[in-house]
Amino acid sequence: MARQAVMVRQVCTLVPFDPACSPDLLVSAEVIWRKDGVLELSYGLRSKADGSLSDVLLQPSAQTPQRQDQLWTHCCFEAFLTLPDQQNYWELNISPAGDWNLYSLENYRQGQKAEASVQSPRVNVQRSPLACQCDVQLDLRPWWPDVFKAPLLGLAVVLERSDASLSYWATRHHQEVADFHDRRSFLQL
């Protein structure tokens, strides 16, 4: 089967907010903005050198992934989408188990509610002792204002360690606290 036409493709490395409190990992994210209105995301975790992911608590795959709240309190792959001229934006959360949620927000951290018109994303998680990859396909057509306008996009990951501590990974960090909602860290596709 032929692959849909790609409008934009970008790969980036995610960096930890606090390197001293983060697992020794390489974390990456890839985004593909397709011409048919589908957003593809791929997050990768890979142990540096000869280590393993044993210190990262990756939830086991769910039999039936479901829409759930507060996925960011454990391991979570995240994306934030907006248009340059809009205050509102969306937050996508995907757990390594495949559970998910999409929220719409009216303004910076205000008016958060579950996006009612979204279809369940397709999520595929592959794991090995040294790596984890989470691939997501999200159809934007039911709710995105204009499928031909690429978003400003924030890519992030929350990782939970075996001691229950969390580390926060993004393309860049601009504040004294980790804040994935900060548009200064969003990419222009």
N, C-alpha and C. Protein backbone atom coordinates (compact mmCIF):
# COMPACT_ATOMS: atom_id res chain seq x y z
N MET A 1 0.84 -1.17 0.00
CA MET A 1 0.00 0.00 0.00
C MET A 1 0.89 1.24 0.00
N ALA A 2 0.55 2.22 -0.78
CA ALA A 2 1.34 3.45 -0.88
C ALA A 2 1.15 4.32 0.36
N ARG A 3 2.22 4.95 0.75
CA ARG A 3 2.18 5.87 1.90
C ARG A 3 1.61 7.21 1.44
N GLN A 4 0.84 7.85 2.33
CA GLN A 4 0.26 9.15 2.03
C GLN A 4 1.35 10.20 1.83
N ALA A 5 1.04 11.24 1.05
CA ALA A 5 1.99 12.33 0.83
C ALA A 5 2.30 13.04 2.15
N VAL A 6 3.57 13.35 2.34
CA VAL A 6 4.02 14.00 3.56
C VAL A 6 4.22 15.49 3.27
N MET A 7 3.65 16.33 4.13
CA MET A 7 3.85 17.77 3.98
C MET A 7 5.08 18.21 4.76
N VAL A 8 5.27 17.66 5.97
CA VAL A 8 6.40 18.04 6.83
C VAL A 8 6.87 16.81 7.60
N ARG A 9 8.19 16.67 7.74
CA ARG A 9 8.77 15.62 8.58
C ARG A 9 9.92 16.24 9.36
N GLN A 10 9.94 15.99 10.67
CA GLN A 10 11.02 16.54 11.50
C GLN A 10 11.36 15.53 12.59
N VAL A 11 12.66 15.38 12.84
CA VAL A 11 13.17 14.52 13.90
C VAL A 11 13.96 15.38 14.87
N CYS A 12 13.78 15.16 16.15
CA CYS A 12 14.53 15.96 17.13
C CYS A 12 14.89 15.12 18.35
N THR A 13 15.95 15.56 19.00
CA THR A 13 16.38 14.96 20.25
C THR A 13 15.69 15.70 21.39
N LEU A 14 15.21 14.98 22.38
CA LEU A 14 14.64 15.59 23.57
C LEU A 14 15.70 15.59 24.66
N VAL A 15 15.72 16.68 25.42
CA VAL A 15 16.73 16.83 26.47
C VAL A 15 16.02 16.88 27.83
N PRO A 16 16.68 16.37 28.86
CA PRO A 16 16.05 16.37 30.18
C PRO A 16 16.07 17.77 30.80
N PHE A 17 15.03 18.07 31.58
CA PHE A 17 15.00 19.33 32.30
C PHE A 17 16.14 19.40 33.30
N ASP A 18 16.36 18.31 34.02
CA ASP A 18 17.44 18.23 35.01
C ASP A 18 18.28 16.99 34.70
N PRO A 19 19.38 17.16 33.98
CA PRO A 19 20.20 16.00 33.60
C PRO A 19 20.68 15.18 34.80
N ALA A 20 20.89 15.82 35.94
CA ALA A 20 21.38 15.10 37.12
C ALA A 20 20.35 14.13 37.67
N CYS A 21 19.08 14.37 37.42
CA CYS A 21 18.00 13.52 37.96
C CYS A 21 17.32 12.70 36.87
N SER A 22 17.99 12.50 35.75
CA SER A 22 17.38 11.80 34.63
C SER A 22 18.10 10.51 34.33
N PRO A 23 17.37 9.51 33.86
CA PRO A 23 18.02 8.26 33.47
C PRO A 23 19.01 8.51 32.33
N ASP A 24 19.98 7.62 32.20
CA ASP A 24 21.02 7.73 31.19
C ASP A 24 20.48 7.20 29.86
N LEU A 25 19.68 8.04 29.19
CA LEU A 25 18.97 7.62 27.99
C LEU A 25 19.16 8.60 26.85
N LEU A 26 18.92 8.12 25.66
CA LEU A 26 18.74 8.96 24.49
C LEU A 26 17.24 8.95 24.21
N VAL A 27 16.64 10.14 24.11
CA VAL A 27 15.20 10.26 23.90
C VAL A 27 14.99 11.10 22.64
N SER A 28 14.18 10.59 21.73
CA SER A 28 13.94 11.31 20.48
C SER A 28 12.46 11.33 20.15
N ALA A 29 12.11 12.23 19.25
CA ALA A 29 10.73 12.31 18.76
C ALA A 29 10.77 12.65 17.28
N GLU A 30 9.89 12.04 16.54
CA GLU A 30 9.75 12.32 15.11
C GLU A 30 8.30 12.68 14.85
N VAL A 31 8.09 13.67 14.02
CA VAL A 31 6.73 14.07 13.66
C VAL A 31 6.61 14.08 12.14
N ILE A 32 5.50 13.55 11.66
CA ILE A 32 5.17 13.62 10.24
C ILE A 32 3.77 14.21 10.14
N TRP A 33 3.69 15.32 9.42
CA TRP A 33 2.41 15.99 9.16
C TRP A 33 2.00 15.60 7.75
N ARG A 34 0.98 14.73 7.65
CA ARG A 34 0.59 14.20 6.34
C ARG A 34 -0.45 15.08 5.66
N LYS A 35 -0.43 15.04 4.37
CA LYS A 35 -1.34 15.84 3.55
C LYS A 35 -2.80 15.43 3.74
N ASP A 36 -3.04 14.21 4.20
CA ASP A 36 -4.42 13.74 4.38
C ASP A 36 -4.99 14.10 5.75
N GLY A 37 -4.29 14.94 6.52
CA GLY A 37 -4.83 15.37 7.81
C GLY A 37 -4.49 14.44 8.97
N VAL A 38 -3.50 13.59 8.81
CA VAL A 38 -3.08 12.69 9.88
C VAL A 38 -1.72 13.13 10.40
N LEU A 39 -1.59 13.16 11.71
CA LEU A 39 -0.33 13.46 12.37
C LEU A 39 0.27 12.15 12.84
N GLU A 40 1.52 11.89 12.46
CA GLU A 40 2.23 10.71 12.92
C GLU A 40 3.33 11.15 13.87
N LEU A 41 3.40 10.51 15.01
CA LEU A 41 4.44 10.78 16.00
C LEU A 41 5.15 9.48 16.31
N SER A 42 6.44 9.57 16.53
CA SER A 42 7.21 8.40 16.93
C SER A 42 8.19 8.84 18.01
N TYR A 43 8.07 8.26 19.19
CA TYR A 43 8.95 8.57 20.32
C TYR A 43 9.87 7.38 20.54
N GLY A 44 11.15 7.66 20.76
CA GLY A 44 12.10 6.58 21.00
C GLY A 44 12.87 6.79 22.29
N LEU A 45 13.01 5.73 23.06
CA LEU A 45 13.86 5.72 24.25
C LEU A 45 14.91 4.66 24.00
N ARG A 46 16.16 5.02 24.23
CA ARG A 46 17.23 4.04 24.04
C ARG A 46 18.27 4.27 25.12
N SER A 47 18.70 3.20 25.71
CA SER A 47 19.72 3.26 26.74
C SER A 47 21.05 3.68 26.13
N LYS A 48 21.76 4.55 26.83
CA LYS A 48 23.11 4.92 26.39
C LYS A 48 24.06 3.77 26.72
N ALA A 49 25.10 3.65 25.95
CA ALA A 49 26.15 2.65 26.18
C ALA A 49 25.54 1.25 26.29
N ASP A 50 25.88 0.52 27.36
CA ASP A 50 25.42 -0.86 27.51
C ASP A 50 24.36 -1.01 28.58
N GLY A 51 23.70 0.06 28.94
CA GLY A 51 22.69 0.00 30.00
C GLY A 51 21.39 -0.59 29.51
N SER A 52 20.38 -0.51 30.35
CA SER A 52 19.07 -1.01 29.99
C SER A 52 18.02 0.00 30.43
N LEU A 53 16.80 -0.28 30.10
CA LEU A 53 15.67 0.56 30.51
C LEU A 53 15.07 0.08 31.83
N SER A 54 15.77 -0.78 32.54
CA SER A 54 15.21 -1.39 33.75
C SER A 54 14.85 -0.38 34.83
N ASP A 55 15.48 0.80 34.83
CA ASP A 55 15.19 1.82 35.83
C ASP A 55 13.97 2.66 35.46
N VAL A 56 13.47 2.53 34.22
CA VAL A 56 12.31 3.29 33.77
C VAL A 56 11.07 2.41 33.89
N LEU A 57 10.04 2.94 34.57
CA LEU A 57 8.80 2.18 34.76
C LEU A 57 7.89 2.38 33.55
N LEU A 58 7.93 1.44 32.63
CA LEU A 58 7.08 1.48 31.45
C LEU A 58 5.88 0.58 31.71
N GLN A 59 4.70 1.17 31.75
CA GLN A 59 3.51 0.39 32.02
C GLN A 59 3.36 -0.72 30.98
N PRO A 60 2.90 -1.89 31.41
CA PRO A 60 2.68 -2.97 30.44
C PRO A 60 1.56 -2.61 29.48
N SER A 61 1.60 -3.17 28.29
CA SER A 61 0.57 -2.89 27.29
C SER A 61 -0.81 -3.27 27.80
N ALA A 62 -1.76 -2.38 27.55
CA ALA A 62 -3.14 -2.63 27.96
C ALA A 62 -3.81 -3.56 26.96
N GLN A 63 -4.68 -4.42 27.46
CA GLN A 63 -5.44 -5.30 26.56
C GLN A 63 -6.29 -4.45 25.62
N THR A 64 -6.96 -3.47 26.18
CA THR A 64 -7.79 -2.56 25.41
C THR A 64 -7.44 -1.13 25.84
N PRO A 65 -6.55 -0.45 25.11
CA PRO A 65 -6.20 0.91 25.49
C PRO A 65 -7.44 1.80 25.55
N GLN A 66 -7.45 2.69 26.54
CA GLN A 66 -8.62 3.53 26.77
C GLN A 66 -8.22 4.98 26.94
N ARG A 67 -9.21 5.83 26.83
CA ARG A 67 -9.02 7.25 27.11
C ARG A 67 -8.97 7.40 28.63
N GLN A 68 -7.89 8.03 29.14
CA GLN A 68 -7.72 8.19 30.58
C GLN A 68 -7.14 9.56 30.90
N ASP A 69 -7.45 10.04 32.08
CA ASP A 69 -6.93 11.32 32.56
C ASP A 69 -5.63 11.11 33.33
N GLN A 70 -4.88 12.17 33.47
CA GLN A 70 -3.67 12.28 34.28
C GLN A 70 -2.59 11.25 33.92
N LEU A 71 -2.46 10.97 32.65
CA LEU A 71 -1.41 10.05 32.22
C LEU A 71 -0.02 10.62 32.49
N TRP A 72 0.10 11.94 32.57
CA TRP A 72 1.40 12.60 32.79
C TRP A 72 1.95 12.37 34.19
N THR A 73 1.21 11.71 35.07
CA THR A 73 1.73 11.44 36.42
C THR A 73 2.65 10.22 36.45
N HIS A 74 2.76 9.53 35.32
CA HIS A 74 3.67 8.38 35.16
C HIS A 74 4.38 8.57 33.82
N CYS A 75 4.90 7.52 33.23
CA CYS A 75 5.51 7.65 31.90
C CYS A 75 4.45 8.08 30.90
N CYS A 76 4.80 9.05 30.08
CA CYS A 76 3.83 9.60 29.15
C CYS A 76 4.55 10.28 27.99
N PHE A 77 4.08 10.01 26.77
CA PHE A 77 4.55 10.69 25.57
C PHE A 77 3.54 11.79 25.27
N GLU A 78 4.04 13.02 25.03
CA GLU A 78 3.13 14.16 24.90
C GLU A 78 3.41 14.97 23.65
N ALA A 79 2.36 15.60 23.14
CA ALA A 79 2.48 16.56 22.04
C ALA A 79 1.49 17.69 22.30
N PHE A 80 1.93 18.90 22.00
CA PHE A 80 1.11 20.11 22.15
C PHE A 80 1.01 20.76 20.78
N LEU A 81 -0.21 21.08 20.35
CA LEU A 81 -0.43 21.62 19.01
C LEU A 81 -1.21 22.91 19.08
N THR A 82 -0.80 23.88 18.28
CA THR A 82 -1.53 25.13 18.15
C THR A 82 -1.18 25.76 16.82
N LEU A 83 -1.90 26.81 16.47
CA LEU A 83 -1.55 27.62 15.31
C LEU A 83 -0.95 28.93 15.81
N PRO A 84 -0.03 29.54 15.05
CA PRO A 84 0.67 30.73 15.53
C PRO A 84 -0.25 31.87 15.94
N ASP A 85 -1.40 32.01 15.31
CA ASP A 85 -2.28 33.14 15.58
C ASP A 85 -3.41 32.82 16.56
N GLN A 86 -3.33 31.70 17.26
CA GLN A 86 -4.40 31.30 18.17
C GLN A 86 -3.90 31.15 19.60
N GLN A 87 -4.75 31.47 20.56
CA GLN A 87 -4.44 31.27 21.97
C GLN A 87 -4.74 29.83 22.39
N ASN A 88 -5.78 29.24 21.79
CA ASN A 88 -6.16 27.88 22.18
C ASN A 88 -5.14 26.88 21.64
N TYR A 89 -5.09 25.71 22.28
CA TYR A 89 -4.18 24.66 21.84
C TYR A 89 -4.69 23.31 22.35
N TRP A 90 -4.04 22.24 21.91
CA TRP A 90 -4.41 20.88 22.28
C TRP A 90 -3.22 20.18 22.90
N GLU A 91 -3.51 19.27 23.83
CA GLU A 91 -2.48 18.47 24.49
C GLU A 91 -2.83 17.00 24.31
N LEU A 92 -1.92 16.26 23.69
CA LEU A 92 -2.09 14.81 23.48
C LEU A 92 -1.19 14.07 24.46
N ASN A 93 -1.76 13.11 25.16
CA ASN A 93 -1.01 12.25 26.10
C ASN A 93 -1.18 10.80 25.68
N ILE A 94 -0.07 10.06 25.63
CA ILE A 94 -0.07 8.63 25.30
C ILE A 94 0.80 7.92 26.32
N SER A 95 0.27 6.88 26.95
CA SER A 95 1.08 6.10 27.89
C SER A 95 1.74 4.94 27.15
N PRO A 96 2.83 4.39 27.70
CA PRO A 96 3.43 3.21 27.09
C PRO A 96 2.47 2.01 27.04
N ALA A 97 1.42 2.04 27.83
CA ALA A 97 0.42 0.98 27.78
C ALA A 97 -0.52 1.15 26.59
N GLY A 98 -0.49 2.33 25.96
CA GLY A 98 -1.38 2.61 24.83
C GLY A 98 -2.59 3.44 25.21
N ASP A 99 -2.79 3.71 26.50
CA ASP A 99 -3.88 4.58 26.92
C ASP A 99 -3.58 5.99 26.43
N TRP A 100 -4.61 6.82 26.29
CA TRP A 100 -4.42 8.12 25.65
C TRP A 100 -5.47 9.13 26.13
N ASN A 101 -5.21 10.39 25.80
CA ASN A 101 -6.21 11.44 25.94
C ASN A 101 -5.78 12.63 25.09
N LEU A 102 -6.77 13.39 24.64
CA LEU A 102 -6.52 14.64 23.93
C LEU A 102 -7.38 15.70 24.61
N TYR A 103 -6.72 16.77 25.04
CA TYR A 103 -7.40 17.88 25.71
C TYR A 103 -7.33 19.12 24.83
N SER A 104 -8.38 19.92 24.88
CA SER A 104 -8.31 21.26 24.30
C SER A 104 -8.18 22.24 25.46
N LEU A 105 -7.40 23.28 25.24
CA LEU A 105 -7.21 24.33 26.25
C LEU A 105 -7.52 25.67 25.59
N GLU A 106 -8.18 26.54 26.32
CA GLU A 106 -8.57 27.84 25.78
C GLU A 106 -7.41 28.81 25.70
N ASN A 107 -6.50 28.71 26.65
CA ASN A 107 -5.37 29.61 26.75
C ASN A 107 -4.32 28.89 27.60
N TYR A 108 -3.19 29.52 27.87
CA TYR A 108 -2.12 28.89 28.62
C TYR A 108 -2.63 28.27 29.93
N ARG A 109 -2.68 26.93 29.95
CA ARG A 109 -3.10 26.15 31.12
C ARG A 109 -4.49 26.50 31.64
N GLN A 110 -5.36 27.01 30.79
CA GLN A 110 -6.71 27.39 31.20
C GLN A 110 -7.76 26.71 30.33
N GLY A 111 -8.87 26.38 30.96
CA GLY A 111 -10.02 25.84 30.23
C GLY A 111 -9.78 24.47 29.65
N GLN A 112 -9.04 23.63 30.35
CA GLN A 112 -8.74 22.28 29.84
C GLN A 112 -9.98 21.41 29.89
N LYS A 113 -10.28 20.77 28.74
CA LYS A 113 -11.37 19.79 28.70
C LYS A 113 -11.02 18.74 27.64
N ALA A 114 -11.57 17.57 27.83
CA ALA A 114 -11.32 16.49 26.87
C ALA A 114 -11.92 16.90 25.53
N GLU A 115 -11.15 16.72 24.46
CA GLU A 115 -11.63 17.03 23.11
C GLU A 115 -12.64 15.96 22.70
N ALA A 116 -13.89 16.37 22.56
CA ALA A 116 -14.98 15.42 22.34
C ALA A 116 -14.97 14.81 20.93
N SER A 117 -14.51 15.54 19.94
CA SER A 117 -14.66 15.07 18.56
C SER A 117 -13.47 14.26 18.03
N VAL A 118 -12.54 13.89 18.91
CA VAL A 118 -11.37 13.14 18.46
C VAL A 118 -11.70 11.65 18.34
N GLN A 119 -11.10 11.03 17.34
CA GLN A 119 -11.17 9.58 17.21
C GLN A 119 -9.98 8.99 17.95
N SER A 120 -10.13 7.78 18.46
CA SER A 120 -9.02 7.13 19.16
C SER A 120 -7.79 7.05 18.24
N PRO A 121 -6.63 7.47 18.74
CA PRO A 121 -5.42 7.35 17.91
C PRO A 121 -5.00 5.89 17.79
N ARG A 122 -4.25 5.60 16.74
CA ARG A 122 -3.63 4.28 16.62
C ARG A 122 -2.29 4.35 17.32
N VAL A 123 -2.08 3.47 18.27
CA VAL A 123 -0.85 3.47 19.07
C VAL A 123 -0.20 2.09 18.97
N ASN A 124 1.09 2.09 18.70
CA ASN A 124 1.86 0.85 18.64
C ASN A 124 3.13 1.06 19.48
N VAL A 125 3.31 0.23 20.49
CA VAL A 125 4.48 0.33 21.36
C VAL A 125 5.30 -0.95 21.21
N GLN A 126 6.59 -0.78 20.93
CA GLN A 126 7.52 -1.90 20.83
C GLN A 126 8.59 -1.72 21.89
N ARG A 127 8.92 -2.81 22.58
CA ARG A 127 9.89 -2.74 23.67
C ARG A 127 10.94 -3.83 23.55
N SER A 128 12.11 -3.49 24.07
CA SER A 128 13.17 -4.48 24.26
C SER A 128 13.87 -4.07 25.55
N PRO A 129 14.81 -4.87 26.05
CA PRO A 129 15.51 -4.47 27.27
C PRO A 129 16.27 -3.15 27.13
N LEU A 130 16.66 -2.79 25.91
CA LEU A 130 17.48 -1.59 25.70
C LEU A 130 16.73 -0.42 25.06
N ALA A 131 15.49 -0.64 24.61
CA ALA A 131 14.80 0.42 23.87
C ALA A 131 13.29 0.29 23.97
N CYS A 132 12.63 1.41 23.70
CA CYS A 132 11.18 1.45 23.62
C CYS A 132 10.82 2.45 22.52
N GLN A 133 9.87 2.08 21.68
CA GLN A 133 9.40 2.99 20.64
C GLN A 133 7.88 3.03 20.68
N CYS A 134 7.35 4.25 20.67
CA CYS A 134 5.90 4.46 20.67
C CYS A 134 5.53 5.22 19.41
N ASP A 135 4.75 4.59 18.53
CA ASP A 135 4.29 5.20 17.29
C ASP A 135 2.81 5.53 17.42
N VAL A 136 2.44 6.73 17.01
CA VAL A 136 1.07 7.22 17.16
C VAL A 136 0.60 7.79 15.82
N GLN A 137 -0.61 7.45 15.44
CA GLN A 137 -1.27 8.09 14.30
C GLN A 137 -2.56 8.72 14.82
N LEU A 138 -2.69 10.02 14.60
CA LEU A 138 -3.84 10.77 15.09
C LEU A 138 -4.48 11.50 13.93
N ASP A 139 -5.76 11.18 13.67
CA ASP A 139 -6.51 11.86 12.61
C ASP A 139 -6.96 13.21 13.15
N LEU A 140 -6.52 14.29 12.50
CA LEU A 140 -6.82 15.63 12.97
C LEU A 140 -8.11 16.20 12.40
N ARG A 141 -8.63 15.61 11.35
CA ARG A 141 -9.74 16.21 10.61
C ARG A 141 -10.97 16.51 11.45
N PRO A 142 -11.32 15.72 12.43
CA PRO A 142 -12.55 16.07 13.15
C PRO A 142 -12.45 17.34 13.99
N TRP A 143 -11.24 17.77 14.36
CA TRP A 143 -11.15 18.88 15.32
C TRP A 143 -10.12 19.95 14.98
N TRP A 144 -9.12 19.67 14.16
CA TRP A 144 -8.09 20.66 13.85
C TRP A 144 -8.67 21.73 12.91
N PRO A 145 -8.40 23.01 13.16
CA PRO A 145 -9.03 24.09 12.39
C PRO A 145 -8.75 24.06 10.89
N ASP A 146 -7.56 23.64 10.47
CA ASP A 146 -7.21 23.66 9.06
C ASP A 146 -6.12 22.62 8.82
N VAL A 147 -6.48 21.47 8.23
CA VAL A 147 -5.51 20.38 8.06
C VAL A 147 -4.38 20.74 7.12
N PHE A 148 -4.50 21.84 6.39
CA PHE A 148 -3.42 22.25 5.51
C PHE A 148 -2.46 23.23 6.18
N LYS A 149 -2.76 23.63 7.41
CA LYS A 149 -1.86 24.50 8.16
C LYS A 149 -1.14 23.67 9.21
N ALA A 150 0.17 23.58 9.07
CA ALA A 150 0.97 22.82 10.05
C ALA A 150 1.01 23.59 11.37
N PRO A 151 1.04 22.87 12.47
CA PRO A 151 0.99 23.52 13.78
C PRO A 151 2.35 23.99 14.28
N LEU A 152 2.28 24.80 15.31
CA LEU A 152 3.40 24.91 16.23
C LEU A 152 3.26 23.67 17.08
N LEU A 153 4.34 22.99 17.37
CA LEU A 153 4.25 21.68 18.00
C LEU A 153 5.28 21.54 19.11
N GLY A 154 4.81 21.20 20.30
CA GLY A 154 5.69 20.88 21.41
C GLY A 154 5.74 19.38 21.59
N LEU A 155 6.93 18.82 21.64
CA LEU A 155 7.11 17.38 21.82
C LEU A 155 7.78 17.15 23.16
N ALA A 156 7.26 16.21 23.94
CA ALA A 156 7.77 16.02 25.29
C ALA A 156 7.53 14.58 25.75
N VAL A 157 8.29 14.21 26.79
CA VAL A 157 8.16 12.89 27.41
C VAL A 157 8.34 13.05 28.91
N VAL A 158 7.49 12.37 29.67
CA VAL A 158 7.66 12.25 31.12
C VAL A 158 8.09 10.81 31.37
N LEU A 159 9.17 10.63 32.12
CA LEU A 159 9.63 9.28 32.45
C LEU A 159 9.60 9.09 33.96
N GLU A 160 9.07 7.94 34.37
CA GLU A 160 9.04 7.58 35.79
C GLU A 160 10.10 6.53 36.04
N ARG A 161 10.88 6.75 37.10
CA ARG A 161 11.93 5.80 37.46
C ARG A 161 11.42 4.85 38.54
N SER A 162 12.19 3.82 38.80
CA SER A 162 11.79 2.81 39.78
C SER A 162 11.64 3.38 41.19
N ASP A 163 12.27 4.51 41.48
CA ASP A 163 12.12 5.15 42.79
C ASP A 163 10.93 6.12 42.82
N ALA A 164 10.09 6.10 41.78
CA ALA A 164 8.89 6.94 41.61
C ALA A 164 9.20 8.39 41.26
N SER A 165 10.47 8.74 41.04
CA SER A 165 10.79 10.10 40.62
C SER A 165 10.47 10.25 39.13
N LEU A 166 10.18 11.49 38.73
CA LEU A 166 9.85 11.79 37.34
C LEU A 166 10.94 12.65 36.72
N SER A 167 11.22 12.42 35.45
CA SER A 167 12.10 13.31 34.70
C SER A 167 11.31 13.82 33.50
N TYR A 168 11.64 15.04 33.07
CA TYR A 168 10.87 15.75 32.06
C TYR A 168 11.77 16.08 30.87
N TRP A 169 11.37 15.63 29.69
CA TRP A 169 12.18 15.74 28.48
C TRP A 169 11.41 16.54 27.43
N ALA A 170 12.09 17.48 26.78
CA ALA A 170 11.47 18.28 25.72
C ALA A 170 12.56 18.75 24.76
N THR A 171 12.15 19.39 23.68
CA THR A 171 13.13 19.88 22.72
C THR A 171 14.00 20.96 23.35
N ARG A 172 13.41 21.79 24.24
CA ARG A 172 14.15 22.79 25.02
C ARG A 172 13.31 23.17 26.23
N HIS A 173 13.99 23.76 27.19
CA HIS A 173 13.35 24.19 28.43
C HIS A 173 13.69 25.67 28.64
N HIS A 174 12.67 26.48 28.95
CA HIS A 174 12.88 27.93 29.05
C HIS A 174 12.59 28.50 30.43
N GLN A 175 12.17 27.69 31.38
CA GLN A 175 11.80 28.22 32.69
C GLN A 175 12.59 27.51 33.79
N GLU A 176 12.39 27.97 35.01
CA GLU A 176 13.06 27.34 36.16
C GLU A 176 12.36 26.08 36.61
N VAL A 177 11.21 25.80 36.04
CA VAL A 177 10.49 24.54 36.26
C VAL A 177 10.17 23.96 34.89
N ALA A 178 10.02 22.67 34.81
CA ALA A 178 9.66 22.04 33.54
C ALA A 178 8.23 22.46 33.18
N ASP A 179 8.05 22.98 31.98
CA ASP A 179 6.73 23.45 31.55
C ASP A 179 6.55 23.16 30.07
N PHE A 180 5.92 22.05 29.76
CA PHE A 180 5.70 21.66 28.38
C PHE A 180 4.71 22.58 27.66
N HIS A 181 3.92 23.35 28.40
CA HIS A 181 2.93 24.26 27.81
C HIS A 181 3.56 25.56 27.31
N ASP A 182 4.80 25.80 27.62
CA ASP A 182 5.50 27.04 27.24
C ASP A 182 5.74 27.03 25.73
N ARG A 183 5.10 27.91 25.01
CA ARG A 183 5.18 27.93 23.54
C ARG A 183 6.57 28.25 23.02
N ARG A 184 7.43 28.81 23.84
CA ARG A 184 8.79 29.09 23.39
C ARG A 184 9.54 27.81 23.03
N SER A 185 9.07 26.67 23.54
CA SER A 185 9.73 25.40 23.20
C SER A 185 9.05 24.67 22.04
N PHE A 186 7.98 25.25 21.49
CA PHE A 186 7.28 24.61 20.37
C PHE A 186 8.09 24.78 19.09
N LEU A 187 8.00 23.80 18.22
CA LEU A 187 8.64 23.82 16.91
C LEU A 187 7.68 24.37 15.88
N GLN A 188 8.20 25.13 14.93
CA GLN A 188 7.40 25.56 13.78
C GLN A 188 7.63 24.54 12.68
N LEU A 189 6.60 23.80 12.32
CA LEU A 189 6.74 22.81 11.25
C LEU A 189 6.64 23.47 9.89
